[in-house]
Amino acid sequence: MSGLKRIPLELIFWITALVLLATADLQNHGEAQHFTLCPIANLGMTWCPGCGIGRSITQLFHGNFAESFAQHWFGLPALLIICRRIGVLMKMIWINNKLLNLKYKEKRYV
């Protein structure tokens, strides 16, 4: 259980978000009513600079690159940025575990 405490909440959040986007049903904008946290969409405005990034990433996971770009041009860069952040967080965990193991070995032999 102590190993789980060392996993950053941010890492769990990003991995969960990508898994949910990868397993989401493909929907085009306007096809179905859906819940949104976007305050601009909730005000009834039809255009928002951030709306469509989630659908764009879902399209990328399903291999539909043209449709992904049509949903939102920033989908691919956003996915790359999120994957990079996951890599940085995992590297941080790996380094911390390596340091903890080194300290444990030093204590053990002293």
N, C-alpha and C. Protein backbone atom coordinates (compact mmCIF):
# COMPACT_ATOMS: atom_id res chain seq x y z
N MET A 1 0.82 -1.20 0.00
CA MET A 1 0.00 0.00 0.00
C MET A 1 0.86 1.26 0.00
N SER A 2 2.03 1.20 0.61
CA SER A 2 2.88 2.39 0.66
C SER A 2 3.36 2.79 -0.73
N GLY A 3 3.46 1.83 -1.66
CA GLY A 3 3.86 2.15 -3.03
C GLY A 3 2.82 2.97 -3.75
N LEU A 4 1.54 2.74 -3.43
CA LEU A 4 0.47 3.52 -4.07
C LEU A 4 0.48 4.97 -3.61
N LYS A 5 0.95 5.21 -2.40
CA LYS A 5 0.99 6.58 -1.89
C LYS A 5 2.01 7.42 -2.64
N ARG A 6 2.98 6.77 -3.26
CA ARG A 6 4.03 7.50 -3.99
C ARG A 6 3.62 7.86 -5.41
N ILE A 7 2.49 7.36 -5.89
CA ILE A 7 2.02 7.68 -7.24
C ILE A 7 1.30 9.03 -7.21
N PRO A 8 1.77 9.99 -7.99
CA PRO A 8 1.11 11.30 -7.99
C PRO A 8 -0.32 11.23 -8.51
N LEU A 9 -1.20 11.99 -7.89
CA LEU A 9 -2.60 12.04 -8.30
C LEU A 9 -2.71 12.52 -9.74
N GLU A 10 -1.83 13.42 -10.15
CA GLU A 10 -1.85 13.93 -11.52
C GLU A 10 -1.64 12.82 -12.54
N LEU A 11 -0.74 11.88 -12.23
CA LEU A 11 -0.49 10.75 -13.13
C LEU A 11 -1.74 9.89 -13.27
N ILE A 12 -2.39 9.61 -12.17
CA ILE A 12 -3.63 8.82 -12.20
C ILE A 12 -4.68 9.54 -13.02
N PHE A 13 -4.79 10.85 -12.84
CA PHE A 13 -5.77 11.66 -13.58
C PHE A 13 -5.53 11.58 -15.09
N TRP A 14 -4.28 11.80 -15.54
CA TRP A 14 -4.00 11.82 -16.98
C TRP A 14 -4.19 10.45 -17.61
N ILE A 15 -3.75 9.41 -16.94
CA ILE A 15 -3.92 8.06 -17.50
C ILE A 15 -5.39 7.70 -17.58
N THR A 16 -6.16 8.03 -16.53
CA THR A 16 -7.60 7.76 -16.55
C THR A 16 -8.29 8.53 -17.66
N ALA A 17 -7.91 9.79 -17.83
CA ALA A 17 -8.51 10.62 -18.89
C ALA A 17 -8.24 10.02 -20.27
N LEU A 18 -7.01 9.60 -20.52
CA LEU A 18 -6.69 9.04 -21.84
C LEU A 18 -7.38 7.70 -22.06
N VAL A 19 -7.49 6.88 -21.02
CA VAL A 19 -8.20 5.60 -21.16
C VAL A 19 -9.67 5.85 -21.48
N LEU A 20 -10.28 6.81 -20.79
CA LEU A 20 -11.68 7.13 -21.07
C LEU A 20 -11.88 7.69 -22.48
N LEU A 21 -10.96 8.53 -22.93
CA LEU A 21 -11.06 9.06 -24.29
C LEU A 21 -10.83 7.95 -25.33
N ALA A 22 -9.94 7.03 -25.04
CA ALA A 22 -9.65 5.95 -25.98
C ALA A 22 -10.81 4.97 -26.10
N THR A 23 -11.59 4.83 -25.05
CA THR A 23 -12.70 3.88 -25.08
C THR A 23 -14.05 4.55 -25.35
N ALA A 24 -14.05 5.85 -25.56
CA ALA A 24 -15.30 6.59 -25.80
C ALA A 24 -15.86 6.26 -27.19
N ASP A 25 -17.18 6.38 -27.31
CA ASP A 25 -17.84 6.22 -28.60
C ASP A 25 -17.52 7.42 -29.48
N LEU A 26 -17.34 7.16 -30.76
CA LEU A 26 -17.08 8.24 -31.71
C LEU A 26 -18.38 8.99 -31.98
N GLN A 27 -18.34 10.30 -31.76
CA GLN A 27 -19.48 11.14 -32.06
C GLN A 27 -18.98 12.42 -32.70
N ASN A 28 -19.69 12.86 -33.71
CA ASN A 28 -19.37 14.15 -34.32
C ASN A 28 -20.09 15.25 -33.55
N HIS A 29 -19.55 16.43 -33.65
CA HIS A 29 -20.15 17.57 -32.96
C HIS A 29 -21.58 17.77 -33.45
N GLY A 30 -22.49 17.88 -32.50
CA GLY A 30 -23.89 18.13 -32.85
C GLY A 30 -24.69 16.87 -33.09
N GLU A 31 -24.06 15.70 -33.08
CA GLU A 31 -24.79 14.45 -33.31
C GLU A 31 -25.70 14.11 -32.14
N ALA A 32 -25.22 14.31 -30.95
CA ALA A 32 -25.98 13.91 -29.77
C ALA A 32 -25.80 14.95 -28.68
N GLN A 33 -26.81 15.07 -27.85
CA GLN A 33 -26.69 15.94 -26.69
C GLN A 33 -25.83 15.22 -25.66
N HIS A 34 -24.93 15.95 -25.07
CA HIS A 34 -24.07 15.34 -24.06
C HIS A 34 -23.81 16.35 -22.96
N PHE A 35 -23.44 15.83 -21.80
CA PHE A 35 -23.08 16.69 -20.68
C PHE A 35 -21.74 17.35 -20.95
N THR A 36 -21.62 18.60 -20.60
CA THR A 36 -20.36 19.30 -20.78
C THR A 36 -20.08 20.19 -19.57
N LEU A 37 -18.81 20.33 -19.24
CA LEU A 37 -18.41 21.26 -18.18
C LEU A 37 -18.04 22.62 -18.75
N CYS A 38 -18.08 22.76 -20.06
CA CYS A 38 -17.68 23.99 -20.72
C CYS A 38 -18.68 25.11 -20.39
N PRO A 39 -18.22 26.19 -19.74
CA PRO A 39 -19.15 27.28 -19.41
C PRO A 39 -19.65 28.01 -20.65
N ILE A 40 -18.84 28.09 -21.69
CA ILE A 40 -19.27 28.77 -22.92
C ILE A 40 -20.38 27.98 -23.60
N ALA A 41 -20.23 26.65 -23.68
CA ALA A 41 -21.27 25.81 -24.28
C ALA A 41 -22.54 25.84 -23.43
N ASN A 42 -22.39 25.88 -22.12
CA ASN A 42 -23.56 25.93 -21.24
C ASN A 42 -24.30 27.26 -21.33
N LEU A 43 -23.63 28.30 -21.82
CA LEU A 43 -24.29 29.59 -22.05
C LEU A 43 -25.04 29.61 -23.38
N GLY A 44 -24.89 28.54 -24.17
CA GLY A 44 -25.60 28.45 -25.43
C GLY A 44 -24.81 28.90 -26.64
N MET A 45 -23.57 29.28 -26.44
CA MET A 45 -22.74 29.70 -27.58
C MET A 45 -22.28 28.47 -28.34
N THR A 46 -22.19 28.59 -29.64
CA THR A 46 -21.87 27.42 -30.47
C THR A 46 -20.38 27.23 -30.69
N TRP A 47 -19.58 28.26 -30.48
CA TRP A 47 -18.14 28.12 -30.71
C TRP A 47 -17.38 28.36 -29.42
N CYS A 48 -16.41 27.49 -29.17
CA CYS A 48 -15.55 27.61 -28.00
C CYS A 48 -14.16 27.16 -28.42
N PRO A 49 -13.10 27.86 -28.01
CA PRO A 49 -11.76 27.48 -28.44
C PRO A 49 -11.31 26.12 -27.91
N GLY A 50 -11.92 25.62 -26.85
CA GLY A 50 -11.50 24.34 -26.28
C GLY A 50 -12.40 23.17 -26.64
N CYS A 51 -13.63 23.45 -27.03
CA CYS A 51 -14.56 22.37 -27.34
C CYS A 51 -14.08 21.57 -28.54
N GLY A 52 -14.15 20.30 -28.44
CA GLY A 52 -13.74 19.43 -29.54
C GLY A 52 -12.40 18.76 -29.32
N ILE A 53 -11.61 19.21 -28.34
CA ILE A 53 -10.31 18.59 -28.12
C ILE A 53 -10.48 17.15 -27.66
N GLY A 54 -11.43 16.90 -26.77
CA GLY A 54 -11.68 15.53 -26.32
C GLY A 54 -12.12 14.64 -27.46
N ARG A 55 -13.05 15.14 -28.28
CA ARG A 55 -13.51 14.36 -29.44
C ARG A 55 -12.37 14.16 -30.43
N SER A 56 -11.51 15.17 -30.56
CA SER A 56 -10.37 15.08 -31.46
C SER A 56 -9.40 13.98 -31.00
N ILE A 57 -9.14 13.93 -29.70
CA ILE A 57 -8.25 12.90 -29.17
C ILE A 57 -8.88 11.52 -29.32
N THR A 58 -10.19 11.42 -29.12
CA THR A 58 -10.88 10.14 -29.32
C THR A 58 -10.74 9.69 -30.77
N GLN A 59 -10.91 10.61 -31.71
CA GLN A 59 -10.74 10.26 -33.12
C GLN A 59 -9.31 9.79 -33.40
N LEU A 60 -8.33 10.42 -32.79
CA LEU A 60 -6.93 10.00 -32.96
C LEU A 60 -6.73 8.57 -32.48
N PHE A 61 -7.28 8.24 -31.32
CA PHE A 61 -7.14 6.88 -30.79
C PHE A 61 -7.78 5.84 -31.71
N HIS A 62 -8.78 6.25 -32.47
CA HIS A 62 -9.45 5.33 -33.40
C HIS A 62 -8.86 5.39 -34.81
N GLY A 63 -7.80 6.18 -34.97
CA GLY A 63 -7.09 6.23 -36.24
C GLY A 63 -7.68 7.14 -37.29
N ASN A 64 -8.61 7.99 -36.92
CA ASN A 64 -9.26 8.91 -37.86
C ASN A 64 -8.59 10.28 -37.78
N PHE A 65 -7.45 10.41 -38.46
CA PHE A 65 -6.66 11.63 -38.34
C PHE A 65 -7.32 12.84 -38.99
N ALA A 66 -7.95 12.66 -40.14
CA ALA A 66 -8.62 13.79 -40.81
C ALA A 66 -9.80 14.28 -39.98
N GLU A 67 -10.59 13.36 -39.46
CA GLU A 67 -11.74 13.73 -38.62
C GLU A 67 -11.26 14.38 -37.31
N SER A 68 -10.14 13.89 -36.80
CA SER A 68 -9.57 14.48 -35.59
C SER A 68 -9.21 15.94 -35.83
N PHE A 69 -8.56 16.21 -36.95
CA PHE A 69 -8.19 17.58 -37.28
C PHE A 69 -9.43 18.44 -37.52
N ALA A 70 -10.48 17.84 -38.07
CA ALA A 70 -11.72 18.58 -38.30
C ALA A 70 -12.42 18.93 -36.98
N GLN A 71 -12.30 18.05 -35.99
CA GLN A 71 -12.91 18.32 -34.68
C GLN A 71 -12.20 19.48 -33.99
N HIS A 72 -10.86 19.41 -33.93
CA HIS A 72 -10.07 20.48 -33.33
C HIS A 72 -8.63 20.30 -33.76
N TRP A 73 -8.02 21.35 -34.23
CA TRP A 73 -6.65 21.27 -34.75
C TRP A 73 -5.63 20.99 -33.66
N PHE A 74 -5.96 21.26 -32.39
CA PHE A 74 -5.01 21.09 -31.31
C PHE A 74 -5.08 19.71 -30.66
N GLY A 75 -5.87 18.79 -31.21
CA GLY A 75 -6.01 17.45 -30.62
C GLY A 75 -4.70 16.68 -30.57
N LEU A 76 -3.98 16.64 -31.68
CA LEU A 76 -2.71 15.91 -31.72
C LEU A 76 -1.66 16.56 -30.82
N PRO A 77 -1.45 17.88 -30.89
CA PRO A 77 -0.49 18.47 -29.95
C PRO A 77 -0.89 18.26 -28.48
N ALA A 78 -2.18 18.33 -28.18
CA ALA A 78 -2.63 18.11 -26.80
C ALA A 78 -2.31 16.68 -26.35
N LEU A 79 -2.55 15.71 -27.23
CA LEU A 79 -2.24 14.32 -26.89
C LEU A 79 -0.75 14.13 -26.67
N LEU A 80 0.07 14.74 -27.50
CA LEU A 80 1.51 14.64 -27.34
C LEU A 80 1.99 15.29 -26.04
N ILE A 81 1.41 16.43 -25.70
CA ILE A 81 1.77 17.11 -24.46
C ILE A 81 1.38 16.27 -23.24
N ILE A 82 0.19 15.69 -23.28
CA ILE A 82 -0.26 14.84 -22.17
C ILE A 82 0.61 13.60 -22.04
N CYS A 83 0.95 12.98 -23.16
CA CYS A 83 1.82 11.79 -23.13
C CYS A 83 3.20 12.15 -22.59
N ARG A 84 3.71 13.30 -22.96
CA ARG A 84 5.01 13.76 -22.45
C ARG A 84 4.94 13.97 -20.95
N ARG A 85 3.86 14.55 -20.47
CA ARG A 85 3.70 14.78 -19.03
C ARG A 85 3.62 13.45 -18.29
N ILE A 86 2.92 12.48 -18.84
CA ILE A 86 2.86 11.15 -18.22
C ILE A 86 4.25 10.55 -18.14
N GLY A 87 5.04 10.70 -19.20
CA GLY A 87 6.41 10.20 -19.21
C GLY A 87 7.27 10.86 -18.14
N VAL A 88 7.13 12.18 -17.99
CA VAL A 88 7.90 12.91 -16.97
C VAL A 88 7.51 12.43 -15.57
N LEU A 89 6.23 12.25 -15.33
CA LEU A 89 5.78 11.79 -14.02
C LEU A 89 6.26 10.37 -13.72
N MET A 90 6.22 9.50 -14.74
CA MET A 90 6.69 8.13 -14.54
C MET A 90 8.20 8.10 -14.30
N LYS A 91 8.94 8.94 -14.99
CA LYS A 91 10.38 9.03 -14.76
C LYS A 91 10.67 9.51 -13.35
N MET A 92 9.89 10.46 -12.88
CA MET A 92 10.04 10.97 -11.52
C MET A 92 9.82 9.85 -10.50
N ILE A 93 8.79 9.03 -10.71
CA ILE A 93 8.53 7.90 -9.81
C ILE A 93 9.69 6.92 -9.86
N TRP A 94 10.19 6.64 -11.04
CA TRP A 94 11.29 5.68 -11.21
C TRP A 94 12.54 6.16 -10.48
N ILE A 95 12.86 7.45 -10.62
CA ILE A 95 14.04 8.01 -9.95
C ILE A 95 13.86 7.98 -8.43
N ASN A 96 12.66 8.35 -7.96
CA ASN A 96 12.41 8.33 -6.52
C ASN A 96 12.52 6.91 -5.96
N ASN A 97 11.99 5.93 -6.67
CA ASN A 97 12.09 4.54 -6.22
C ASN A 97 13.54 4.08 -6.20
N LYS A 98 14.30 4.49 -7.20
CA LYS A 98 15.72 4.13 -7.26
C LYS A 98 16.47 4.72 -6.07
N LEU A 99 16.19 5.97 -5.74
CA LEU A 99 16.83 6.62 -4.59
C LEU A 99 16.43 5.95 -3.28
N LEU A 100 15.14 5.59 -3.16
CA LEU A 100 14.68 4.93 -1.95
C LEU A 100 15.35 3.57 -1.78
N ASN A 101 15.49 2.83 -2.88
CA ASN A 101 16.15 1.53 -2.82
C ASN A 101 17.62 1.69 -2.44
N LEU A 102 18.26 2.72 -2.96
CA LEU A 102 19.67 2.98 -2.64
C LEU A 102 19.83 3.32 -1.16
N LYS A 103 18.94 4.15 -0.62
CA LYS A 103 18.99 4.50 0.81
C LYS A 103 18.75 3.26 1.66
N TYR A 104 17.82 2.41 1.23
CA TYR A 104 17.53 1.19 1.98
C TYR A 104 18.74 0.27 2.01
N LYS A 105 19.43 0.14 0.90
CA LYS A 105 20.62 -0.71 0.83
C LYS A 105 21.74 -0.15 1.70
N GLU A 106 21.89 1.19 1.72
CA GLU A 106 22.93 1.80 2.54
C GLU A 106 22.65 1.57 4.03
N LYS A 107 21.39 1.69 4.46
CA LYS A 107 21.00 1.45 5.85
C LYS A 107 21.25 0.00 6.23
N ARG A 108 20.99 -0.86 5.31
CA ARG A 108 21.06 -2.29 5.57
C ARG A 108 22.51 -2.74 5.81
N TYR A 109 23.46 -2.14 5.12
CA TYR A 109 24.86 -2.54 5.24
C TYR A 109 25.64 -1.74 6.27
N VAL A 110 25.03 -0.73 6.87
CA VAL A 110 25.75 0.07 7.86
C VAL A 110 25.64 -0.53 9.23
